[in-house]
Amino acid sequence: MLYAPTFRGVPKEGQVVQLPLDVREFAERFGDTHVLLVRAHYMEAASLPVTPPGTVVDVSGHHDVSELLVLADVLITDYSSIMFDYALLDRPLVHFAPDLDAYAADRGTYFDLRKRAGGPVIETQEELLRTLDRLKKTDGEWQAARRAFAAEFGAYDDGGAARAAAGLILGKKARA
């Protein structure tokens, strides 16, 4: 599972961003069966607590987030734009957003995530852990919403971007 929350603001000097997800509790509950990859926003650094080896891995320094998306069977994010890319893979997407209302009031959002999400929108740690625990059984309930989300926000992501860009540069219409 990949946990990739959005940017929450520049920390003061010497301050480390506190992730909303308690990764230690995740490791205790799922460490025997799942690995949690943690990708902090590129403008932030996260300090992860000590967990048993192989249960929680900080991949914040990995240069290409798209490789992490392909690797992950599940994305846990909040309202980060990473959701748009991941939705194209048609894999389980869970929005862990305990501060959604405060974030929306402070910074604004483009749409109501609760109404248009491609996966469950969760506000508490316990609810998140319960959702992850039964995800295999319940993900089917979200497939239609996830596909609608991907169709709405990824309609132009058809795999032909390089061909179309080359056609524009060369003055030719790109062929499918």
N, C-alpha and C. Protein backbone atom coordinates (compact mmCIF):
# COMPACT_ATOMS: atom_id res chain seq x y z
N MET A 1 0.85 -1.17 0.00
CA MET A 1 0.00 0.00 0.00
C MET A 1 0.89 1.23 0.00
N LEU A 2 0.47 2.22 -0.78
CA LEU A 2 1.22 3.48 -0.84
C LEU A 2 0.42 4.55 -0.13
N TYR A 3 1.04 5.21 0.85
CA TYR A 3 0.43 6.33 1.54
C TYR A 3 1.10 7.59 1.05
N ALA A 4 0.32 8.46 0.37
CA ALA A 4 0.88 9.67 -0.21
C ALA A 4 -0.05 10.85 0.06
N PRO A 5 0.11 11.50 1.21
CA PRO A 5 -0.73 12.66 1.53
C PRO A 5 -0.24 13.91 0.81
N THR A 6 -1.09 14.91 0.77
CA THR A 6 -0.77 16.16 0.10
C THR A 6 0.08 17.08 0.97
N PHE A 7 0.52 18.14 0.38
CA PHE A 7 1.30 19.19 1.04
C PHE A 7 0.43 19.89 2.07
N ARG A 8 0.94 20.05 3.26
CA ARG A 8 0.17 20.69 4.33
C ARG A 8 0.79 22.00 4.81
N GLY A 9 1.77 22.47 4.13
CA GLY A 9 2.38 23.75 4.51
C GLY A 9 3.83 23.58 4.88
N VAL A 10 4.56 24.63 4.75
CA VAL A 10 5.99 24.61 5.04
C VAL A 10 6.19 24.61 6.55
N PRO A 11 6.89 23.59 7.06
CA PRO A 11 7.13 23.57 8.51
C PRO A 11 8.17 24.62 8.90
N LYS A 12 8.11 25.03 10.14
CA LYS A 12 9.11 25.96 10.65
C LYS A 12 10.46 25.25 10.69
N GLU A 13 11.51 26.03 10.72
CA GLU A 13 12.85 25.46 10.71
C GLU A 13 13.02 24.44 11.82
N GLY A 14 13.52 23.27 11.44
CA GLY A 14 13.75 22.20 12.40
C GLY A 14 12.51 21.38 12.72
N GLN A 15 11.36 21.79 12.22
CA GLN A 15 10.12 21.08 12.49
C GLN A 15 9.90 20.02 11.40
N VAL A 16 9.40 18.88 11.79
CA VAL A 16 9.11 17.80 10.86
C VAL A 16 7.59 17.68 10.76
N VAL A 17 7.12 17.44 9.56
CA VAL A 17 5.68 17.29 9.34
C VAL A 17 5.16 16.04 10.05
N GLN A 18 4.06 16.19 10.73
CA GLN A 18 3.41 15.06 11.40
C GLN A 18 2.37 14.49 10.44
N LEU A 19 2.55 13.27 10.00
CA LEU A 19 1.59 12.64 9.10
C LEU A 19 0.29 12.34 9.84
N PRO A 20 -0.85 12.50 9.16
CA PRO A 20 -2.13 12.18 9.80
C PRO A 20 -2.27 10.69 10.13
N LEU A 21 -1.64 9.84 9.35
CA LEU A 21 -1.73 8.38 9.56
C LEU A 21 -0.69 7.93 10.58
N ASP A 22 -1.14 7.20 11.57
CA ASP A 22 -0.24 6.62 12.57
C ASP A 22 0.34 5.34 11.98
N VAL A 23 1.52 5.42 11.40
CA VAL A 23 2.10 4.28 10.71
C VAL A 23 2.49 3.16 11.66
N ARG A 24 2.77 3.50 12.90
CA ARG A 24 3.08 2.46 13.89
C ARG A 24 1.87 1.55 14.12
N GLU A 25 0.71 2.17 14.25
CA GLU A 25 -0.51 1.38 14.43
C GLU A 25 -0.80 0.54 13.18
N PHE A 26 -0.55 1.11 12.00
CA PHE A 26 -0.70 0.35 10.76
C PHE A 26 0.19 -0.89 10.79
N ALA A 27 1.45 -0.70 11.16
CA ALA A 27 2.41 -1.81 11.20
C ALA A 27 1.99 -2.88 12.19
N GLU A 28 1.47 -2.47 13.33
CA GLU A 28 1.02 -3.45 14.32
C GLU A 28 -0.15 -4.27 13.80
N ARG A 29 -1.04 -3.63 13.07
CA ARG A 29 -2.25 -4.31 12.60
C ARG A 29 -2.04 -5.10 11.32
N PHE A 30 -1.23 -4.58 10.40
CA PHE A 30 -1.10 -5.19 9.08
C PHE A 30 0.31 -5.63 8.71
N GLY A 31 1.27 -5.43 9.60
CA GLY A 31 2.67 -5.68 9.27
C GLY A 31 2.99 -7.09 8.83
N ASP A 32 2.19 -8.07 9.24
CA ASP A 32 2.45 -9.45 8.83
C ASP A 32 2.01 -9.73 7.40
N THR A 33 1.14 -8.90 6.87
CA THR A 33 0.57 -9.17 5.55
C THR A 33 0.76 -8.05 4.54
N HIS A 34 1.07 -6.84 4.99
CA HIS A 34 1.16 -5.70 4.10
C HIS A 34 2.41 -4.87 4.38
N VAL A 35 2.87 -4.21 3.34
CA VAL A 35 3.96 -3.24 3.49
C VAL A 35 3.36 -1.87 3.16
N LEU A 36 3.64 -0.90 4.00
CA LEU A 36 3.18 0.46 3.76
C LEU A 36 4.36 1.29 3.25
N LEU A 37 4.24 1.77 2.02
CA LEU A 37 5.21 2.70 1.47
C LEU A 37 4.72 4.10 1.78
N VAL A 38 5.56 4.93 2.35
CA VAL A 38 5.16 6.28 2.72
C VAL A 38 5.89 7.27 1.82
N ARG A 39 5.11 8.08 1.12
CA ARG A 39 5.68 9.08 0.23
C ARG A 39 5.20 10.46 0.69
N ALA A 40 6.05 11.16 1.42
CA ALA A 40 5.71 12.52 1.84
C ALA A 40 5.76 13.42 0.60
N HIS A 41 5.06 14.52 0.65
CA HIS A 41 5.09 15.49 -0.45
C HIS A 41 6.53 15.93 -0.65
N TYR A 42 6.91 16.20 -1.89
CA TYR A 42 8.31 16.51 -2.19
C TYR A 42 8.82 17.77 -1.48
N MET A 43 7.93 18.63 -1.02
CA MET A 43 8.36 19.83 -0.30
C MET A 43 8.39 19.62 1.20
N GLU A 44 8.11 18.40 1.64
CA GLU A 44 8.07 18.10 3.06
C GLU A 44 8.95 16.90 3.36
N ALA A 45 9.23 16.71 4.63
CA ALA A 45 9.94 15.53 5.09
C ALA A 45 9.12 14.94 6.23
N ALA A 46 9.05 13.65 6.26
CA ALA A 46 8.30 12.99 7.32
C ALA A 46 9.28 12.20 8.18
N SER A 47 9.06 12.22 9.45
CA SER A 47 9.86 11.42 10.37
C SER A 47 9.00 10.24 10.79
N LEU A 48 9.42 9.06 10.39
CA LEU A 48 8.64 7.86 10.70
C LEU A 48 9.16 7.20 11.97
N PRO A 49 8.25 6.71 12.80
CA PRO A 49 8.69 6.02 14.01
C PRO A 49 9.30 4.66 13.66
N VAL A 50 10.00 4.10 14.59
CA VAL A 50 10.58 2.77 14.39
C VAL A 50 9.45 1.76 14.33
N THR A 51 9.49 0.93 13.30
CA THR A 51 8.53 -0.15 13.14
C THR A 51 9.30 -1.41 12.78
N PRO A 52 8.68 -2.57 12.91
CA PRO A 52 9.39 -3.80 12.53
C PRO A 52 9.88 -3.72 11.08
N PRO A 53 11.06 -4.26 10.81
CA PRO A 53 11.63 -4.18 9.46
C PRO A 53 10.66 -4.68 8.39
N GLY A 54 10.57 -3.93 7.30
CA GLY A 54 9.76 -4.33 6.18
C GLY A 54 8.27 -4.03 6.30
N THR A 55 7.84 -3.37 7.36
CA THR A 55 6.42 -3.06 7.51
C THR A 55 6.08 -1.67 7.00
N VAL A 56 6.95 -0.71 7.24
CA VAL A 56 6.76 0.68 6.80
C VAL A 56 8.08 1.13 6.19
N VAL A 57 8.00 1.61 4.94
CA VAL A 57 9.20 2.01 4.23
C VAL A 57 9.02 3.44 3.72
N ASP A 58 9.94 4.32 4.06
CA ASP A 58 9.89 5.70 3.58
C ASP A 58 10.46 5.74 2.16
N VAL A 59 9.59 6.04 1.20
CA VAL A 59 10.00 6.12 -0.20
C VAL A 59 9.92 7.56 -0.69
N SER A 60 9.95 8.50 0.24
CA SER A 60 9.85 9.92 -0.11
C SER A 60 10.98 10.38 -1.03
N GLY A 61 12.12 9.78 -0.90
CA GLY A 61 13.26 10.17 -1.72
C GLY A 61 13.29 9.52 -3.09
N HIS A 62 12.34 8.63 -3.36
CA HIS A 62 12.33 7.99 -4.68
C HIS A 62 11.98 9.03 -5.74
N HIS A 63 12.76 9.10 -6.78
CA HIS A 63 12.65 10.18 -7.75
C HIS A 63 11.39 10.15 -8.62
N ASP A 64 10.79 9.00 -8.84
CA ASP A 64 9.67 8.90 -9.78
C ASP A 64 8.44 8.31 -9.10
N VAL A 65 7.49 9.16 -8.78
CA VAL A 65 6.29 8.69 -8.08
C VAL A 65 5.47 7.74 -8.96
N SER A 66 5.57 7.86 -10.28
CA SER A 66 4.80 6.97 -11.15
C SER A 66 5.22 5.51 -10.96
N GLU A 67 6.49 5.28 -10.67
CA GLU A 67 6.94 3.91 -10.39
C GLU A 67 6.29 3.37 -9.12
N LEU A 68 6.13 4.23 -8.14
CA LEU A 68 5.49 3.82 -6.89
C LEU A 68 4.01 3.53 -7.11
N LEU A 69 3.36 4.31 -7.96
CA LEU A 69 1.95 4.08 -8.26
C LEU A 69 1.74 2.72 -8.92
N VAL A 70 2.60 2.39 -9.85
CA VAL A 70 2.49 1.10 -10.53
C VAL A 70 2.74 -0.05 -9.56
N LEU A 71 3.63 0.16 -8.63
CA LEU A 71 3.99 -0.86 -7.65
C LEU A 71 2.87 -1.12 -6.63
N ALA A 72 2.11 -0.09 -6.30
CA ALA A 72 1.14 -0.18 -5.21
C ALA A 72 -0.16 -0.87 -5.63
N ASP A 73 -0.65 -1.73 -4.74
CA ASP A 73 -1.95 -2.38 -4.95
C ASP A 73 -3.08 -1.51 -4.45
N VAL A 74 -2.77 -0.58 -3.56
CA VAL A 74 -3.76 0.33 -2.96
C VAL A 74 -3.08 1.68 -2.76
N LEU A 75 -3.82 2.76 -3.02
CA LEU A 75 -3.33 4.10 -2.69
C LEU A 75 -4.16 4.65 -1.56
N ILE A 76 -3.47 5.10 -0.52
CA ILE A 76 -4.10 5.85 0.56
C ILE A 76 -3.60 7.28 0.41
N THR A 77 -4.51 8.18 0.15
CA THR A 77 -4.16 9.59 0.02
C THR A 77 -5.26 10.41 0.67
N ASP A 78 -5.23 11.68 0.50
CA ASP A 78 -6.29 12.52 1.04
C ASP A 78 -6.96 13.20 -0.14
N TYR A 79 -6.57 14.42 -0.43
CA TYR A 79 -7.11 15.17 -1.56
C TYR A 79 -5.97 15.53 -2.49
N SER A 80 -4.88 14.80 -2.39
CA SER A 80 -3.71 15.04 -3.22
C SER A 80 -4.03 14.74 -4.68
N SER A 81 -3.40 15.48 -5.57
CA SER A 81 -3.62 15.27 -7.01
C SER A 81 -3.11 13.91 -7.48
N ILE A 82 -2.37 13.22 -6.66
CA ILE A 82 -1.90 11.89 -7.01
C ILE A 82 -3.08 10.94 -7.28
N MET A 83 -4.24 11.27 -6.72
CA MET A 83 -5.43 10.43 -6.92
C MET A 83 -5.81 10.36 -8.39
N PHE A 84 -5.59 11.41 -9.15
CA PHE A 84 -5.97 11.42 -10.55
C PHE A 84 -5.14 10.42 -11.35
N ASP A 85 -3.85 10.38 -11.10
CA ASP A 85 -2.98 9.43 -11.80
C ASP A 85 -3.29 8.00 -11.39
N TYR A 86 -3.47 7.78 -10.10
CA TYR A 86 -3.70 6.42 -9.62
C TYR A 86 -5.04 5.88 -10.08
N ALA A 87 -6.05 6.72 -10.18
CA ALA A 87 -7.37 6.26 -10.60
C ALA A 87 -7.33 5.60 -11.97
N LEU A 88 -6.40 6.01 -12.83
CA LEU A 88 -6.27 5.43 -14.16
C LEU A 88 -5.87 3.96 -14.12
N LEU A 89 -5.30 3.52 -13.01
CA LEU A 89 -4.88 2.12 -12.87
C LEU A 89 -6.03 1.21 -12.45
N ASP A 90 -7.15 1.80 -12.07
CA ASP A 90 -8.34 1.06 -11.64
C ASP A 90 -8.02 0.09 -10.50
N ARG A 91 -7.36 0.63 -9.50
CA ARG A 91 -7.04 -0.13 -8.28
C ARG A 91 -7.64 0.60 -7.09
N PRO A 92 -7.79 -0.08 -5.97
CA PRO A 92 -8.41 0.55 -4.80
C PRO A 92 -7.74 1.85 -4.39
N LEU A 93 -8.59 2.84 -4.15
CA LEU A 93 -8.17 4.18 -3.79
C LEU A 93 -8.94 4.58 -2.53
N VAL A 94 -8.21 4.90 -1.48
CA VAL A 94 -8.83 5.26 -0.20
C VAL A 94 -8.38 6.66 0.16
N HIS A 95 -9.35 7.52 0.46
CA HIS A 95 -9.06 8.90 0.83
C HIS A 95 -9.12 9.03 2.35
N PHE A 96 -7.95 9.15 2.97
CA PHE A 96 -7.88 9.36 4.42
C PHE A 96 -7.68 10.85 4.63
N ALA A 97 -8.77 11.53 4.99
CA ALA A 97 -8.74 12.99 5.07
C ALA A 97 -9.38 13.47 6.37
N PRO A 98 -8.67 13.28 7.50
CA PRO A 98 -9.25 13.70 8.78
C PRO A 98 -9.43 15.21 8.90
N ASP A 99 -8.74 15.96 8.06
CA ASP A 99 -8.81 17.42 8.12
C ASP A 99 -9.45 18.01 6.86
N LEU A 100 -10.28 17.25 6.20
CA LEU A 100 -10.85 17.69 4.92
C LEU A 100 -11.60 19.01 5.03
N ASP A 101 -12.46 19.15 6.01
CA ASP A 101 -13.24 20.38 6.13
C ASP A 101 -12.34 21.59 6.41
N ALA A 102 -11.38 21.42 7.30
CA ALA A 102 -10.46 22.52 7.62
C ALA A 102 -9.59 22.87 6.41
N TYR A 103 -9.11 21.85 5.72
CA TYR A 103 -8.29 22.08 4.54
C TYR A 103 -9.09 22.82 3.46
N ALA A 104 -10.32 22.37 3.22
CA ALA A 104 -11.17 23.00 2.20
C ALA A 104 -11.47 24.44 2.57
N ALA A 105 -11.73 24.70 3.84
CA ALA A 105 -12.02 26.06 4.28
C ALA A 105 -10.80 26.96 4.16
N ASP A 106 -9.62 26.42 4.47
CA ASP A 106 -8.39 27.20 4.47
C ASP A 106 -7.82 27.41 3.07
N ARG A 107 -7.77 26.33 2.28
CA ARG A 107 -7.09 26.39 0.99
C ARG A 107 -8.03 26.28 -0.21
N GLY A 108 -9.23 25.76 0.03
CA GLY A 108 -10.18 25.58 -1.06
C GLY A 108 -9.92 24.29 -1.82
N THR A 109 -10.94 23.82 -2.52
CA THR A 109 -10.83 22.62 -3.35
C THR A 109 -11.58 22.88 -4.65
N TYR A 110 -11.29 22.10 -5.67
CA TYR A 110 -11.94 22.25 -6.97
C TYR A 110 -13.30 21.58 -7.03
N PHE A 111 -13.52 20.59 -6.18
CA PHE A 111 -14.79 19.88 -6.16
C PHE A 111 -14.99 19.24 -4.80
N ASP A 112 -16.20 18.78 -4.56
CA ASP A 112 -16.54 18.14 -3.29
C ASP A 112 -16.08 16.68 -3.34
N LEU A 113 -15.00 16.39 -2.67
CA LEU A 113 -14.42 15.06 -2.69
C LEU A 113 -15.40 14.00 -2.20
N ARG A 114 -16.17 14.32 -1.20
CA ARG A 114 -17.11 13.34 -0.66
C ARG A 114 -18.14 12.91 -1.70
N LYS A 115 -18.49 13.78 -2.62
CA LYS A 115 -19.51 13.47 -3.63
C LYS A 115 -18.93 12.81 -4.87
N ARG A 116 -17.64 13.06 -5.17
CA ARG A 116 -17.09 12.61 -6.45
C ARG A 116 -15.89 11.69 -6.33
N ALA A 117 -15.57 11.24 -5.15
CA ALA A 117 -14.37 10.41 -4.94
C ALA A 117 -14.48 9.07 -5.65
N GLY A 118 -13.33 8.53 -5.99
CA GLY A 118 -13.25 7.20 -6.60
C GLY A 118 -13.03 6.12 -5.57
N GLY A 119 -13.21 6.44 -4.31
CA GLY A 119 -13.04 5.49 -3.21
C GLY A 119 -13.59 6.11 -1.95
N PRO A 120 -13.62 5.35 -0.88
CA PRO A 120 -14.17 5.87 0.36
C PRO A 120 -13.38 7.06 0.90
N VAL A 121 -14.10 8.02 1.46
CA VAL A 121 -13.50 9.18 2.11
C VAL A 121 -13.64 8.94 3.61
N ILE A 122 -12.50 8.83 4.29
CA ILE A 122 -12.46 8.41 5.68
C ILE A 122 -11.84 9.50 6.53
N GLU A 123 -12.39 9.68 7.74
CA GLU A 123 -11.94 10.79 8.57
C GLU A 123 -11.25 10.39 9.86
N THR A 124 -11.28 9.11 10.22
CA THR A 124 -10.61 8.70 11.47
C THR A 124 -9.66 7.54 11.19
N GLN A 125 -8.66 7.44 12.03
CA GLN A 125 -7.68 6.36 11.92
C GLN A 125 -8.36 5.00 12.06
N GLU A 126 -9.23 4.84 13.04
CA GLU A 126 -9.89 3.55 13.25
C GLU A 126 -10.75 3.17 12.06
N GLU A 127 -11.46 4.13 11.51
CA GLU A 127 -12.28 3.87 10.32
C GLU A 127 -11.39 3.46 9.14
N LEU A 128 -10.24 4.09 9.01
CA LEU A 128 -9.30 3.74 7.95
C LEU A 128 -8.83 2.31 8.11
N LEU A 129 -8.41 1.94 9.31
CA LEU A 129 -7.91 0.59 9.54
C LEU A 129 -9.00 -0.45 9.29
N ARG A 130 -10.23 -0.16 9.70
CA ARG A 130 -11.35 -1.09 9.42
C ARG A 130 -11.58 -1.22 7.91
N THR A 131 -11.51 -0.10 7.21
CA THR A 131 -11.71 -0.12 5.75
C THR A 131 -10.62 -0.92 5.07
N LEU A 132 -9.38 -0.73 5.47
CA LEU A 132 -8.28 -1.48 4.87
C LEU A 132 -8.40 -2.97 5.18
N ASP A 133 -8.88 -3.28 6.37
CA ASP A 133 -9.03 -4.67 6.79
C ASP A 133 -10.02 -5.43 5.91
N ARG A 134 -11.04 -4.76 5.44
CA ARG A 134 -12.07 -5.44 4.64
C ARG A 134 -12.08 -4.97 3.18
N LEU A 135 -10.99 -4.38 2.73
CA LEU A 135 -10.93 -3.78 1.40
C LEU A 135 -11.17 -4.79 0.28
N LYS A 136 -10.62 -5.97 0.39
CA LYS A 136 -10.82 -6.97 -0.66
C LYS A 136 -12.30 -7.29 -0.84
N LYS A 137 -13.02 -7.35 0.25
CA LYS A 137 -14.44 -7.69 0.20
C LYS A 137 -15.29 -6.52 -0.29
N THR A 138 -14.90 -5.30 0.02
CA THR A 138 -15.76 -4.15 -0.26
C THR A 138 -15.34 -3.31 -1.46
N ASP A 139 -14.17 -3.58 -2.05
CA ASP A 139 -13.72 -2.73 -3.14
C ASP A 139 -14.66 -2.76 -4.33
N GLY A 140 -15.33 -3.86 -4.55
CA GLY A 140 -16.27 -3.95 -5.66
C GLY A 140 -17.34 -2.87 -5.61
N GLU A 141 -17.68 -2.44 -4.43
CA GLU A 141 -18.67 -1.37 -4.27
C GLU A 141 -18.17 -0.04 -4.84
N TRP A 142 -16.87 0.10 -4.97
CA TRP A 142 -16.28 1.36 -5.43
C TRP A 142 -15.82 1.33 -6.88
N GLN A 143 -15.89 0.19 -7.54
CA GLN A 143 -15.37 0.10 -8.90
C GLN A 143 -16.06 1.07 -9.86
N ALA A 144 -17.38 1.15 -9.81
CA ALA A 144 -18.10 2.05 -10.72
C ALA A 144 -17.73 3.51 -10.45
N ALA A 145 -17.65 3.88 -9.17
CA ALA A 145 -17.29 5.26 -8.83
C ALA A 145 -15.85 5.56 -9.27
N ARG A 146 -14.96 4.60 -9.08
CA ARG A 146 -13.55 4.80 -9.46
C ARG A 146 -13.43 4.95 -10.98
N ARG A 147 -14.15 4.13 -11.71
CA ARG A 147 -14.10 4.21 -13.18
C ARG A 147 -14.72 5.51 -13.68
N ALA A 148 -15.79 5.95 -13.05
CA ALA A 148 -16.41 7.23 -13.42
C ALA A 148 -15.45 8.39 -13.12
N PHE A 149 -14.77 8.31 -11.98
CA PHE A 149 -13.79 9.32 -11.60
C PHE A 149 -12.67 9.38 -12.63
N ALA A 150 -12.15 8.20 -13.00
CA ALA A 150 -11.06 8.14 -13.98
C ALA A 150 -11.52 8.65 -15.34
N ALA A 151 -12.74 8.32 -15.72
CA ALA A 151 -13.26 8.79 -17.01
C ALA A 151 -13.43 10.31 -17.02
N GLU A 152 -13.90 10.85 -15.91
CA GLU A 152 -14.12 12.29 -15.82
C GLU A 152 -12.81 13.08 -15.80
N PHE A 153 -11.87 12.63 -15.01
CA PHE A 153 -10.65 13.40 -14.81
C PHE A 153 -9.46 12.90 -15.62
N GLY A 154 -9.60 11.78 -16.29
CA GLY A 154 -8.49 11.24 -17.07
C GLY A 154 -8.87 10.92 -18.50
N ALA A 155 -9.90 11.58 -19.00
CA ALA A 155 -10.41 11.27 -20.34
C ALA A 155 -9.36 11.43 -21.43
N TYR A 156 -8.41 12.32 -21.25
CA TYR A 156 -7.40 12.55 -22.28
C TYR A 156 -6.14 11.72 -22.08
N ASP A 157 -6.09 10.96 -21.01
CA ASP A 157 -4.93 10.11 -20.73
C ASP A 157 -5.13 8.76 -21.42
N ASP A 158 -4.89 8.75 -22.71
CA ASP A 158 -5.14 7.55 -23.50
C ASP A 158 -3.87 6.84 -23.95
N GLY A 159 -2.72 7.31 -23.48
CA GLY A 159 -1.46 6.68 -23.84
C GLY A 159 -0.83 7.25 -25.09
N GLY A 160 -1.45 8.25 -25.70
CA GLY A 160 -0.91 8.80 -26.94
C GLY A 160 -0.38 10.21 -26.83
N ALA A 161 -0.01 10.63 -25.63
CA ALA A 161 0.43 12.02 -25.43
C ALA A 161 1.71 12.34 -26.20
N ALA A 162 2.67 11.45 -26.19
CA ALA A 162 3.93 11.72 -26.89
C ALA A 162 3.70 11.83 -28.39
N ARG A 163 2.86 10.96 -28.94
CA ARG A 163 2.56 11.01 -30.37
C ARG A 163 1.85 12.33 -30.72
N ALA A 164 0.89 12.72 -29.90
CA ALA A 164 0.16 13.96 -30.16
C ALA A 164 1.08 15.17 -30.05
N ALA A 165 1.96 15.18 -29.04
CA ALA A 165 2.90 16.30 -28.87
C ALA A 165 3.87 16.37 -30.05
N ALA A 166 4.36 15.23 -30.49
CA ALA A 166 5.27 15.20 -31.64
C ALA A 166 4.56 15.71 -32.89
N GLY A 167 3.29 15.34 -33.03
CA GLY A 167 2.51 15.82 -34.17
C GLY A 167 2.34 17.32 -34.15
N LEU A 168 2.12 17.87 -32.96
CA LEU A 168 1.99 19.33 -32.86
C LEU A 168 3.30 20.02 -33.22
N ILE A 169 4.40 19.47 -32.73
CA ILE A 169 5.71 20.06 -33.00
C ILE A 169 6.06 19.96 -34.48
N LEU A 170 5.73 18.82 -35.10
CA LEU A 170 6.07 18.59 -36.51
C LEU A 170 4.99 19.12 -37.44
N GLY A 171 3.90 19.61 -36.87
CA GLY A 171 2.84 20.17 -37.70
C GLY A 171 1.99 19.12 -38.38
N LYS A 172 1.95 17.92 -37.83
CA LYS A 172 1.16 16.84 -38.42
C LYS A 172 0.09 16.41 -37.43
N LYS A 173 -0.98 15.92 -37.97
CA LYS A 173 -2.03 15.38 -37.11
C LYS A 173 -1.59 14.00 -36.65
N ALA A 174 -1.67 13.75 -35.36
CA ALA A 174 -1.26 12.44 -34.82
C ALA A 174 -2.27 11.37 -35.20
N ARG A 175 -1.76 10.19 -35.55
CA ARG A 175 -2.62 9.06 -35.86
C ARG A 175 -2.67 8.12 -34.67
N ALA A 176 -3.82 7.51 -34.50
CA ALA A 176 -3.98 6.56 -33.40
C ALA A 176 -3.28 5.27 -33.68
